[in-house]
Amino acid sequence: MKTKNKLLNRILLGLFLISTNVLFAQTDTSPTQTVCAGSVEPYLINPPTTGSTYQWNITGGGTVINGSNTDNITVNWGTTPGVYIITVIETDANGCLGLPITVDVTVNPLPTATTATSQIACFGFTIPDLTAVGSNVTWYSDASLSTQVGIGNNFATGETAVGFYTYYVTESLNGCEGPSIPVTLQIYNVPNAPSSTSQTACFGTAIPDLTAFGTNVTWYDDPSLTSILSSGANFVTGQTAAGVYTYYATTTDVNGCESSSTMVTLEIYSLPSAPIVTSQTACFGTTIPNLTSTGSNIIWYSNPTLTSQVGTGNNLSTGQYAVGVYTYYATTTDGNGCESLSSLATLEIYALPNAPIANNETACVGGIIPDLTATGTTLTWYDDITLTNQVGVGNNFLTGATTLGIYTYYVTETNTNGCESSATTVTLTINSFTTPPSASAQTACFSSAIPDLSATGVGSAFTWYDDVALTNVVGNNSPFATGQTAVGIYTYYVTESQNGCESPAAIITLTIYASPTTGPINHW
């Protein structure tokens, strides 16, 4: 054990020098000194007398471990503190004894071993000082305490590299240095930063967690790693608004060393604007138009939850043809893969109105030609079955036909949706009957049988009038009994009817002659 006193530099006996071969008479004053418990100290006579021998004695404690009959000894003072006396008596060559010389030696106790705490640190972080509790603390870099590296309760090692460093620390009391204890500083390497993948999402969709691969992952929202947000491999950011969110993930090993951070981003993209769509209408039986939309990467759905996709592209052929209202939803998808809110587009297929009700008409050449009529709303008249040549509108249609023939027309009704019904076929028949019937005038004598008037023609439908304007019908068919009995000339007009046409009238007279008046018979 190292000592602080080396026995007053080879002991106070040197104060009593022997200057001749005769032992010099010494004083009665005894020198004093202190040593540390456990120390091994040398003592000697300086200068020694040639031919003399010395008898050493220690009272109270301590052990002479060599040189007990020589001019120098080595004493092991042991570990028991106290005050002890070294006595030496010289016997010279003549056998004469000198006076005893004494030294009072105080053996001071050693201080107990100091209390110190080993330290650990992580590479790249602040390296803590080593600390010890006690007085007059001394630090060494070797167990033999030969290389002193610091003093005081705190010791800054100056180490920064990864490694295991051992130091030895002692405490001194009353000039005595206590036993050393080892104190370690271990600088651990830091783990690798965790691996992670940044994430993207579209506004309004499920936002993915951020994930980092490593041990004891910690998440921060600042690059200086001062604000802890979460721990664990998965991190639920809680973000929902569009934007770029930056986080920092570290991993901590079993030594408590935290890695450098890995930057991880979550980008929530804004949605593109919903596309502009055009709804369509059509009439049943006509060409059904496509639904159209402006925008890029258009997707069409048949339900508002956008789970049933029915087409892509700016045009959608619905395939519908039955009467009804069909609703579709169009979205656009941008370069980030984000799908917009939907725009609603409808296709309405209108029912056709009922075909109008119309009556066929007949007329006669030269007679009044009636209009064709139909009941319904917004009527259109055509003269061809493909309905390409419109000839009139409205409920009444003046054909303009006057000559013999059968004229066919087609009339449709259009409702408020602009849908045109199927066509109703309507005919105008113009008949011709230009030959009057044949009839012979009749005569009769008053008071005789009055004959009927008779007419012949192509048929048997005859009409008899008694006025040239043919306004007063007096009989039908043939023969015609006039009912006349009085003398006179009666004129009648007879027509024949066929296909609704009445022929010109034939003039027939009935003459009833008066009976002759026979004069009286005169006798000449």
Protein backbone atom coordinates (compact mmCIF):
# COMPACT_ATOMS: atom_id res chain seq x y z
CA MET A 1 0.00 0.00 0.00
CA LYS A 2 1.25 3.41 -0.95
CA THR A 3 1.98 5.73 2.02
CA LYS A 4 2.04 9.47 2.33
CA ASN A 5 4.88 9.60 4.92
CA LYS A 6 8.14 7.84 4.32
CA LEU A 7 8.99 7.91 8.06
CA LEU A 8 10.38 11.38 8.19
CA ASN A 9 12.87 10.58 5.47
CA ARG A 10 14.50 7.61 6.99
CA ILE A 11 13.38 8.34 10.56
CA LEU A 12 14.17 10.85 13.10
CA LEU A 13 17.00 8.73 14.39
CA GLY A 14 19.07 10.66 11.97
CA LEU A 15 18.66 13.53 14.40
CA PHE A 16 20.98 11.72 16.73
CA LEU A 17 24.10 11.38 14.74
CA ILE A 18 27.10 9.44 16.09
CA SER A 19 30.06 11.53 15.02
CA THR A 20 32.78 9.26 16.52
CA ASN A 21 33.21 5.61 17.30
CA VAL A 22 31.78 6.34 20.72
CA LEU A 23 27.99 6.47 20.85
CA PHE A 24 27.03 10.10 21.30
CA ALA A 25 24.85 10.71 24.31
CA GLN A 26 21.31 11.32 23.10
CA THR A 27 18.67 13.67 24.49
CA ASP A 28 15.59 12.59 26.46
CA THR A 29 13.25 14.20 23.89
CA SER A 30 11.56 11.59 21.76
CA PRO A 31 10.75 12.46 18.10
CA THR A 32 7.23 11.69 16.83
CA GLN A 33 5.87 10.70 13.44
CA THR A 34 2.74 9.38 11.78
CA VAL A 35 2.24 6.54 9.39
CA CYS A 36 -0.79 4.98 7.75
CA ALA A 37 -2.29 1.71 8.84
CA GLY A 38 -1.13 -1.15 6.73
CA SER A 39 2.05 0.61 5.67
CA VAL A 40 5.48 -1.03 5.69
CA GLU A 41 8.12 1.49 6.67
CA PRO A 42 11.96 1.44 6.90
CA TYR A 43 13.91 2.79 9.87
CA LEU A 44 17.70 3.23 10.12
CA ILE A 45 20.58 4.71 12.12
CA ASN A 46 22.26 7.41 10.16
CA PRO A 47 25.16 7.24 10.17
CA PRO A 48 25.69 3.83 11.75
CA THR A 49 28.75 3.14 13.94
CA THR A 50 31.20 0.65 12.57
CA GLY A 51 31.29 -2.47 14.68
CA SER A 52 28.12 -1.60 16.59
CA THR A 53 24.97 -3.72 16.78
CA TYR A 54 21.50 -2.43 17.41
CA GLN A 55 18.61 -3.89 19.29
CA TRP A 56 15.21 -2.71 18.06
CA ASN A 57 11.98 -2.99 19.99
CA ILE A 58 8.41 -1.91 19.18
CA THR A 59 5.84 -1.57 21.89
CA GLY A 60 2.08 -1.67 21.30
CA GLY A 61 1.99 -2.94 17.77
CA GLY A 62 3.80 -3.27 14.50
CA THR A 63 6.12 -6.05 13.44
CA VAL A 64 9.77 -5.91 12.48
CA ILE A 65 9.87 -7.95 9.33
CA ASN A 66 13.65 -7.73 8.71
CA GLY A 67 16.89 -6.21 10.01
CA SER A 68 16.11 -6.55 13.75
CA ASN A 69 19.84 -6.56 14.74
CA THR A 70 21.15 -4.22 12.09
CA ASP A 71 21.32 -0.51 11.75
CA ASN A 72 18.08 -0.52 9.68
CA ILE A 73 14.81 -2.32 9.99
CA THR A 74 11.52 -2.61 8.11
CA VAL A 75 8.29 -2.42 10.12
CA ASN A 76 4.87 -3.58 9.08
CA TRP A 77 2.53 -1.43 11.10
CA GLY A 78 -0.53 -3.59 10.48
CA THR A 79 -4.07 -2.29 10.23
CA THR A 80 -4.74 -1.33 13.84
CA PRO A 81 -4.55 2.40 14.43
CA GLY A 82 -2.80 3.63 17.56
CA VAL A 83 0.36 5.22 19.02
CA TYR A 84 3.42 2.96 19.14
CA ILE A 85 7.04 3.37 20.33
CA ILE A 86 10.14 2.32 18.47
CA THR A 87 13.15 1.87 20.76
CA VAL A 88 16.70 1.20 19.60
CA ILE A 89 19.74 0.42 21.84
CA GLU A 90 23.23 0.41 20.36
CA THR A 91 25.98 -1.96 21.55
CA ASP A 92 29.33 -0.82 20.29
CA ALA A 93 32.33 -2.88 19.46
CA ASN A 94 33.47 -2.66 23.04
CA GLY A 95 30.23 -4.15 24.27
CA CYS A 96 29.09 -0.91 25.69
CA LEU A 97 25.37 -0.12 25.57
CA GLY A 98 24.13 3.22 24.52
CA LEU A 99 21.12 5.01 25.84
CA PRO A 100 17.77 3.95 24.35
CA ILE A 101 16.55 6.13 21.49
CA THR A 102 12.78 6.19 20.95
CA VAL A 103 10.37 7.43 18.30
CA ASP A 104 6.66 7.82 18.95
CA VAL A 105 4.79 6.55 15.88
CA THR A 106 1.12 7.33 15.42
CA VAL A 107 -0.56 4.84 13.09
CA ASN A 108 -3.47 6.63 11.48
CA PRO A 109 -6.43 4.59 10.24
CA LEU A 110 -6.96 4.24 6.50
CA PRO A 111 -10.14 5.77 5.11
CA THR A 112 -12.72 3.34 3.89
CA ALA A 113 -12.95 2.73 0.16
CA THR A 114 -14.75 5.53 -1.58
CA THR A 115 -18.18 5.06 -3.13
CA ALA A 116 -18.27 5.52 -6.89
CA THR A 117 -20.70 4.81 -9.67
CA SER A 118 -19.77 3.33 -13.01
CA GLN A 119 -21.21 5.04 -16.04
CA ILE A 120 -22.50 4.06 -19.42
CA ALA A 121 -23.01 6.23 -22.46
CA CYS A 122 -23.91 5.92 -26.10
CA PHE A 123 -21.54 6.86 -28.88
CA GLY A 124 -22.11 10.34 -30.16
CA PHE A 125 -23.93 11.48 -27.03
CA THR A 126 -22.65 13.42 -24.02
CA ILE A 127 -20.16 11.30 -22.06
CA PRO A 128 -20.85 11.58 -18.32
CA ASP A 129 -18.11 12.25 -15.75
CA LEU A 130 -17.18 9.51 -13.34
CA THR A 131 -18.07 10.50 -9.77
CA ALA A 132 -16.94 9.34 -6.35
CA VAL A 133 -18.01 10.27 -2.82
CA GLY A 134 -15.23 11.08 -0.34
CA SER A 135 -12.40 13.44 0.53
CA ASN A 136 -9.23 14.03 -1.43
CA VAL A 137 -10.34 11.71 -4.21
CA THR A 138 -7.67 10.57 -6.63
CA TRP A 139 -8.20 8.79 -9.94
CA TYR A 140 -5.79 6.30 -11.56
CA SER A 141 -5.81 4.51 -14.89
CA ASP A 142 -4.16 1.36 -13.56
CA ALA A 143 -4.80 -1.05 -10.71
CA SER A 144 -1.29 -0.51 -9.29
CA LEU A 145 -2.17 3.16 -8.86
CA SER A 146 0.96 4.27 -10.62
CA THR A 147 -0.65 6.52 -13.21
CA GLN A 148 -2.71 9.31 -11.75
CA VAL A 149 -5.21 10.80 -14.22
CA GLY A 150 -7.37 13.04 -12.10
CA ILE A 151 -8.34 14.40 -8.72
CA GLY A 152 -11.59 15.49 -7.21
CA ASN A 153 -15.02 13.94 -6.88
CA ASN A 154 -15.77 14.36 -10.61
CA PHE A 155 -13.51 12.98 -13.29
CA ALA A 156 -13.98 13.80 -17.00
CA THR A 157 -12.40 10.88 -18.77
CA GLY A 158 -12.19 12.56 -22.17
CA GLU A 159 -13.17 9.26 -23.79
CA THR A 160 -15.49 9.41 -26.84
CA ALA A 161 -14.84 6.20 -28.76
CA VAL A 162 -16.87 3.04 -28.32
CA GLY A 163 -15.22 0.87 -25.67
CA PHE A 164 -14.96 -0.28 -22.06
CA TYR A 165 -12.78 1.90 -19.86
CA THR A 166 -11.70 1.04 -16.27
CA TYR A 167 -10.37 3.54 -13.71
CA TYR A 168 -9.40 3.24 -10.04
CA VAL A 169 -10.37 5.75 -7.42
CA THR A 170 -9.11 6.28 -3.84
CA GLU A 171 -9.90 8.56 -0.95
CA SER A 172 -7.20 10.10 1.36
CA LEU A 173 -7.68 11.00 5.00
CA ASN A 174 -4.96 12.44 7.32
CA GLY A 175 -2.46 11.83 4.57
CA CYS A 176 -3.49 8.17 4.25
CA GLU A 177 -4.83 6.88 0.98
CA GLY A 178 -7.53 4.29 1.26
CA PRO A 179 -8.05 1.21 -0.90
CA SER A 180 -9.01 1.73 -4.51
CA ILE A 181 -12.16 0.60 -6.19
CA PRO A 182 -12.57 0.09 -9.92
CA VAL A 183 -14.96 2.40 -11.76
CA THR A 184 -15.95 1.76 -15.36
CA LEU A 185 -17.14 3.82 -18.27
CA GLN A 186 -18.69 1.89 -21.11
CA ILE A 187 -19.44 3.69 -24.35
CA TYR A 188 -21.82 1.65 -26.42
CA ASN A 189 -22.18 1.77 -30.14
CA VAL A 190 -25.59 3.06 -31.27
CA PRO A 191 -27.92 0.78 -33.21
CA ASN A 192 -28.68 1.33 -36.87
CA ALA A 193 -31.49 3.68 -37.70
CA PRO A 194 -34.74 1.81 -38.40
CA SER A 195 -35.90 1.18 -41.94
CA SER A 196 -39.22 2.64 -42.93
CA THR A 197 -41.32 3.52 -45.95
CA SER A 198 -43.12 6.80 -46.41
CA GLN A 199 -46.82 6.59 -47.10
CA THR A 200 -49.29 8.41 -49.30
CA ALA A 201 -53.07 8.52 -49.20
CA CYS A 202 -55.91 10.41 -50.78
CA PHE A 203 -58.07 12.77 -48.77
CA GLY A 204 -61.17 11.06 -47.46
CA THR A 205 -59.74 7.53 -47.76
CA ALA A 206 -58.30 5.32 -45.02
CA ILE A 207 -55.02 6.85 -43.84
CA PRO A 208 -52.30 4.20 -43.49
CA ASP A 209 -50.16 3.84 -40.38
CA LEU A 210 -46.46 4.59 -40.63
CA THR A 211 -44.30 1.54 -39.96
CA ALA A 212 -40.64 1.30 -38.94
CA PHE A 213 -38.61 -1.89 -38.60
CA GLY A 214 -36.34 -2.07 -35.59
CA THR A 215 -36.29 -2.60 -31.82
CA ASN A 216 -38.04 -0.25 -29.41
CA VAL A 217 -39.07 2.24 -32.08
CA THR A 218 -39.83 5.79 -30.96
CA TRP A 219 -41.60 8.39 -33.13
CA TYR A 220 -40.94 12.15 -33.01
CA ASP A 221 -42.37 15.11 -34.88
CA ASP A 222 -39.16 17.16 -34.89
CA PRO A 223 -35.67 16.44 -36.25
CA SER A 224 -34.10 17.36 -32.90
CA LEU A 225 -36.03 14.43 -31.36
CA THR A 226 -37.43 16.43 -28.48
CA SER A 227 -41.13 15.79 -28.93
CA ILE A 228 -42.11 12.14 -28.58
CA LEU A 229 -45.36 11.22 -30.27
CA SER A 230 -45.56 7.45 -29.96
CA SER A 231 -43.64 4.24 -29.54
CA GLY A 232 -43.84 0.92 -31.32
CA ALA A 233 -43.36 -0.26 -34.86
CA ASN A 234 -46.71 1.14 -36.06
CA PHE A 235 -47.60 4.78 -35.67
CA VAL A 236 -51.15 6.08 -36.15
CA THR A 237 -50.62 9.70 -37.13
CA GLY A 238 -54.24 10.80 -36.72
CA GLN A 239 -53.85 13.09 -39.73
CA THR A 240 -56.80 13.47 -42.11
CA ALA A 241 -56.33 16.82 -43.83
CA ALA A 242 -54.47 17.17 -47.12
CA GLY A 243 -50.80 17.96 -46.60
CA VAL A 244 -47.29 16.57 -46.12
CA TYR A 245 -46.52 15.39 -42.60
CA THR A 246 -42.94 14.58 -41.55
CA TYR A 247 -41.97 12.29 -38.69
CA TYR A 248 -38.73 10.84 -37.31
CA ALA A 249 -38.30 7.26 -36.10
CA THR A 250 -35.47 5.89 -33.98
CA THR A 251 -34.67 2.51 -32.48
CA THR A 252 -33.25 1.91 -29.00
CA ASP A 253 -31.16 -1.15 -28.17
CA VAL A 254 -30.90 -3.12 -24.91
CA ASN A 255 -28.22 -0.72 -23.70
CA GLY A 256 -30.61 2.20 -23.96
CA CYS A 257 -28.74 3.68 -26.92
CA GLU A 258 -30.95 5.43 -29.42
CA SER A 259 -30.09 5.40 -33.09
CA SER A 260 -30.02 8.31 -35.44
CA SER A 261 -33.45 9.01 -36.86
CA THR A 262 -35.06 7.93 -40.08
CA MET A 263 -37.29 10.57 -41.65
CA VAL A 264 -40.69 9.24 -42.69
CA THR A 265 -43.39 11.23 -44.47
CA LEU A 266 -47.11 10.86 -44.79
CA GLU A 267 -48.56 12.78 -47.73
CA ILE A 268 -52.32 13.15 -47.94
CA TYR A 269 -53.20 14.26 -51.44
CA SER A 270 -56.05 16.63 -52.22
CA LEU A 271 -58.78 15.13 -54.35
CA PRO A 272 -59.20 16.31 -57.92
CA SER A 273 -62.32 18.28 -58.77
CA ALA A 274 -65.37 16.24 -59.62
CA PRO A 275 -65.88 15.97 -63.39
CA ILE A 276 -68.49 17.96 -65.30
CA VAL A 277 -71.16 15.61 -66.63
CA THR A 278 -74.10 16.03 -68.96
CA SER A 279 -77.37 14.26 -68.29
CA GLN A 280 -79.30 12.93 -71.26
CA THR A 281 -82.90 12.31 -72.24
CA ALA A 282 -84.32 10.17 -75.00
CA CYS A 283 -87.63 8.84 -76.21
CA PHE A 284 -88.39 5.16 -76.11
CA GLY A 285 -87.56 3.49 -79.37
CA THR A 286 -85.13 6.18 -80.50
CA THR A 287 -81.33 6.15 -80.42
CA ILE A 288 -80.19 6.33 -76.79
CA PRO A 289 -77.35 8.87 -76.37
CA ASN A 290 -74.22 8.21 -74.34
CA LEU A 291 -73.62 10.01 -71.06
CA THR A 292 -70.61 12.31 -71.33
CA SER A 293 -68.09 13.74 -68.88
CA THR A 294 -65.10 16.07 -69.07
CA GLY A 295 -61.92 15.20 -67.21
CA SER A 296 -59.17 12.58 -67.10
CA ASN A 297 -59.39 8.93 -66.21
CA ILE A 298 -63.16 8.94 -65.89
CA ILE A 299 -64.80 6.00 -64.07
CA TRP A 300 -68.57 5.43 -64.14
CA TYR A 301 -70.52 3.73 -61.36
CA SER A 302 -74.15 2.69 -61.01
CA ASN A 303 -74.38 3.35 -57.26
CA PRO A 304 -73.59 6.36 -55.05
CA THR A 305 -71.20 4.33 -52.86
CA LEU A 306 -69.06 3.81 -55.99
CA THR A 307 -68.76 0.07 -55.56
CA SER A 308 -70.29 -1.04 -58.85
CA GLN A 309 -68.18 0.12 -61.79
CA VAL A 310 -69.95 0.09 -65.14
CA GLY A 311 -67.57 1.87 -67.48
CA THR A 312 -64.53 4.06 -68.05
CA GLY A 313 -63.75 6.95 -70.32
CA ASN A 314 -65.46 10.21 -71.11
CA ASN A 315 -68.43 8.50 -72.80
CA LEU A 316 -70.68 5.89 -71.22
CA SER A 317 -72.98 3.73 -73.31
CA THR A 318 -75.52 2.69 -70.70
CA GLY A 319 -77.14 -0.10 -72.69
CA GLN A 320 -80.54 1.03 -71.41
CA TYR A 321 -83.55 1.10 -73.69
CA ALA A 322 -86.60 0.63 -71.47
CA VAL A 323 -88.63 3.59 -70.21
CA GLY A 324 -87.26 4.88 -66.90
CA VAL A 325 -84.80 7.17 -65.13
CA TYR A 326 -81.28 5.76 -64.81
CA THR A 327 -78.72 7.35 -62.48
CA TYR A 328 -74.95 7.07 -62.85
CA TYR A 329 -71.96 8.55 -60.99
CA ALA A 330 -68.76 9.72 -62.67
CA THR A 331 -65.39 10.35 -61.00
CA THR A 332 -61.98 11.45 -62.23
CA THR A 333 -58.65 10.05 -61.01
CA ASP A 334 -55.50 12.21 -60.95
CA GLY A 335 -51.85 11.30 -61.34
CA ASN A 336 -51.60 10.45 -57.65
CA GLY A 337 -54.29 7.81 -58.01
CA CYS A 338 -56.79 9.92 -56.05
CA GLU A 339 -60.38 9.61 -57.12
CA SER A 340 -62.59 12.67 -56.95
CA LEU A 341 -66.02 12.99 -55.46
CA SER A 342 -68.66 11.82 -57.89
CA SER A 343 -70.86 13.84 -60.23
CA LEU A 344 -74.37 12.54 -60.80
CA ALA A 345 -75.63 12.09 -64.34
CA THR A 346 -79.05 10.79 -65.35
CA LEU A 347 -80.43 9.17 -68.43
CA GLU A 348 -84.19 9.46 -68.70
CA ILE A 349 -85.96 7.43 -71.35
CA TYR A 350 -89.43 8.86 -71.84
CA ALA A 351 -92.49 6.80 -72.68
CA LEU A 352 -94.09 7.57 -76.03
CA PRO A 353 -97.56 9.10 -76.10
CA ASN A 354 -100.43 7.03 -77.47
CA ALA A 355 -101.00 7.27 -81.17
CA PRO A 356 -103.76 9.78 -81.93
CA ILE A 357 -107.30 8.71 -82.84
CA ALA A 358 -108.32 9.64 -86.38
CA ASN A 359 -111.15 8.78 -88.82
CA ASN A 360 -110.83 8.03 -92.47
CA GLU A 361 -112.71 10.34 -94.80
CA THR A 362 -114.35 9.94 -98.20
CA ALA A 363 -115.41 12.60 -100.69
CA CYS A 364 -116.46 12.92 -104.24
CA VAL A 365 -114.77 14.63 -107.08
CA GLY A 366 -116.20 18.03 -107.40
CA GLY A 367 -117.75 17.83 -103.97
CA ILE A 368 -116.60 19.30 -100.69
CA ILE A 369 -113.36 17.65 -99.64
CA PRO A 370 -113.32 17.32 -95.85
CA ASP A 371 -110.27 17.94 -93.66
CA LEU A 372 -108.70 14.97 -92.00
CA THR A 373 -109.04 15.21 -88.21
CA ALA A 374 -107.37 13.50 -85.27
CA THR A 375 -107.60 13.87 -81.50
CA GLY A 376 -104.48 14.42 -79.43
CA THR A 377 -101.86 17.02 -78.54
CA THR A 378 -99.31 18.52 -80.88
CA LEU A 379 -100.23 16.49 -83.92
CA THR A 380 -98.01 16.15 -86.96
CA TRP A 381 -99.13 14.88 -90.35
CA TYR A 382 -96.90 13.03 -92.83
CA ASP A 383 -97.53 11.62 -96.27
CA ASP A 384 -94.99 8.77 -95.96
CA ILE A 385 -94.85 5.83 -93.62
CA THR A 386 -91.24 6.60 -92.63
CA LEU A 387 -92.47 9.94 -91.30
CA THR A 388 -89.82 11.92 -93.12
CA ASN A 389 -92.06 14.26 -95.11
CA GLN A 390 -94.16 16.45 -92.88
CA VAL A 391 -97.23 17.92 -94.57
CA GLY A 392 -99.19 19.46 -91.74
CA VAL A 393 -99.63 20.09 -88.04
CA GLY A 394 -102.61 20.39 -85.74
CA ASN A 395 -105.77 18.44 -85.16
CA ASN A 396 -107.19 19.35 -88.60
CA PHE A 397 -105.33 18.74 -91.81
CA LEU A 398 -106.43 20.17 -95.13
CA THR A 399 -105.04 17.75 -97.65
CA GLY A 400 -105.62 19.89 -100.76
CA ALA A 401 -106.55 16.75 -102.71
CA THR A 402 -109.44 17.13 -105.21
CA THR A 403 -108.98 14.47 -107.81
CA LEU A 404 -110.15 10.91 -107.81
CA GLY A 405 -108.00 8.68 -105.64
CA ILE A 406 -107.19 7.24 -102.25
CA TYR A 407 -104.81 9.44 -100.29
CA THR A 408 -102.96 7.99 -97.28
CA TYR A 409 -101.55 10.08 -94.44
CA TYR A 410 -99.88 9.38 -91.11
CA VAL A 411 -100.54 11.38 -88.00
CA THR A 412 -98.51 11.34 -84.77
CA GLU A 413 -98.79 12.99 -81.38
CA THR A 414 -95.81 14.64 -79.58
CA ASN A 415 -95.86 15.00 -75.79
CA THR A 416 -94.25 17.66 -73.60
CA ASN A 417 -91.00 15.64 -73.51
CA GLY A 418 -90.72 15.94 -77.29
CA CYS A 419 -91.45 12.27 -77.79
CA GLU A 420 -93.43 11.40 -80.89
CA SER A 421 -95.91 8.54 -80.86
CA SER A 422 -96.26 5.84 -83.41
CA ALA A 423 -98.32 6.92 -86.40
CA THR A 424 -102.01 6.43 -87.02
CA THR A 425 -102.81 5.81 -90.69
CA VAL A 426 -105.59 8.00 -92.09
CA THR A 427 -107.04 7.83 -95.61
CA LEU A 428 -108.97 10.30 -97.74
CA THR A 429 -110.89 8.60 -100.55
CA ILE A 430 -112.17 10.85 -103.36
CA ASN A 431 -114.71 9.00 -105.44
CA SER A 432 -115.95 9.98 -108.89
CA PHE A 433 -119.65 9.46 -110.20
CA THR A 434 -120.36 11.71 -113.20
CA THR A 435 -123.08 9.86 -115.17
CA PRO A 436 -126.72 10.65 -114.32
CA PRO A 437 -129.21 7.78 -114.26
CA SER A 438 -131.50 7.06 -117.20
CA ALA A 439 -135.14 7.87 -116.80
CA SER A 440 -138.15 8.33 -119.12
CA ALA A 441 -140.85 10.88 -118.85
CA GLN A 442 -144.29 9.54 -118.10
CA THR A 443 -147.74 10.66 -119.10
CA ALA A 444 -151.14 9.76 -117.90
CA CYS A 445 -154.71 10.90 -118.30
CA PHE A 446 -156.53 12.40 -115.50
CA SER A 447 -158.49 9.89 -113.60
CA SER A 448 -156.48 7.08 -115.05
CA ALA A 449 -153.75 5.14 -113.30
CA ILE A 450 -150.81 7.39 -112.72
CA PRO A 451 -147.59 5.57 -113.54
CA ASP A 452 -144.52 5.58 -111.26
CA LEU A 453 -141.33 7.18 -112.41
CA SER A 454 -138.44 4.79 -112.93
CA ALA A 455 -134.69 5.26 -113.27
CA THR A 456 -131.91 2.89 -114.18
CA GLY A 457 -128.18 3.10 -113.57
CA VAL A 458 -125.22 1.12 -112.25
CA GLY A 459 -127.00 0.37 -109.01
CA SER A 460 -130.29 0.84 -107.29
CA ALA A 461 -129.62 3.77 -104.93
CA PHE A 462 -131.68 6.57 -106.37
CA THR A 463 -132.84 9.80 -104.82
CA TRP A 464 -135.73 11.89 -106.17
CA TYR A 465 -136.02 15.62 -105.76
CA ASP A 466 -138.74 18.07 -106.87
CA ASP A 467 -136.40 21.05 -107.13
CA VAL A 468 -133.50 21.73 -109.37
CA ALA A 469 -131.30 22.63 -106.38
CA LEU A 470 -131.79 19.07 -105.10
CA THR A 471 -132.68 20.26 -101.65
CA ASN A 472 -136.11 18.64 -101.28
CA VAL A 473 -136.00 14.88 -101.34
CA VAL A 474 -139.36 13.39 -102.28
CA GLY A 475 -138.46 9.76 -102.75
CA ASN A 476 -135.82 7.07 -102.81
CA ASN A 477 -135.07 4.16 -105.07
CA SER A 478 -136.90 3.18 -108.20
CA PRO A 479 -139.73 3.13 -109.12
CA PHE A 480 -140.92 6.36 -107.56
CA ALA A 481 -144.61 6.91 -106.91
CA THR A 482 -145.10 10.61 -107.26
CA GLY A 483 -148.55 10.63 -105.68
CA GLN A 484 -149.72 13.15 -108.21
CA THR A 485 -153.30 12.90 -109.51
CA ALA A 486 -154.14 16.35 -110.67
CA VAL A 487 -153.79 17.46 -114.20
CA GLY A 488 -150.42 19.10 -114.72
CA ILE A 489 -146.81 18.71 -115.65
CA TYR A 490 -144.63 17.62 -112.81
CA THR A 491 -140.90 17.82 -113.05
CA TYR A 492 -138.57 15.66 -110.89
CA TYR A 493 -134.83 15.21 -110.59
CA VAL A 494 -133.35 11.81 -109.93
CA THR A 495 -129.73 11.03 -108.89
CA GLU A 496 -127.91 7.82 -108.28
CA SER A 497 -125.50 7.35 -105.32
CA GLN A 498 -122.44 5.10 -105.19
CA ASN A 499 -119.45 5.13 -102.82
CA GLY A 500 -121.04 8.09 -101.12
CA CYS A 501 -121.05 10.13 -104.32
CA GLU A 502 -124.28 11.40 -105.85
CA SER A 503 -124.49 11.61 -109.60
CA PRO A 504 -125.80 14.56 -111.57
CA ALA A 505 -129.59 14.61 -111.73
CA ALA A 506 -131.67 13.39 -114.65
CA ILE A 507 -134.82 15.43 -115.31
CA ILE A 508 -137.99 13.43 -115.57
CA THR A 509 -141.47 14.80 -116.13
CA LEU A 510 -144.85 13.37 -115.34
CA THR A 511 -147.66 14.83 -117.40
CA ILE A 512 -151.25 14.23 -116.37
CA TYR A 513 -153.47 15.23 -119.15
CA ALA A 514 -156.89 16.61 -118.59
CA SER A 515 -159.75 14.49 -119.86
CA PRO A 516 -161.21 15.96 -123.03
CA THR A 517 -164.38 17.97 -122.67
CA THR A 518 -166.93 16.69 -125.01
CA GLY A 519 -169.53 19.29 -126.01
CA PRO A 520 -173.15 18.62 -125.88
CA ILE A 521 -174.49 16.62 -128.56
CA ASN A 522 -176.23 18.93 -130.91
CA HIS A 523 -178.63 17.80 -133.36
CA TRP A 524 -178.31 19.56 -136.59
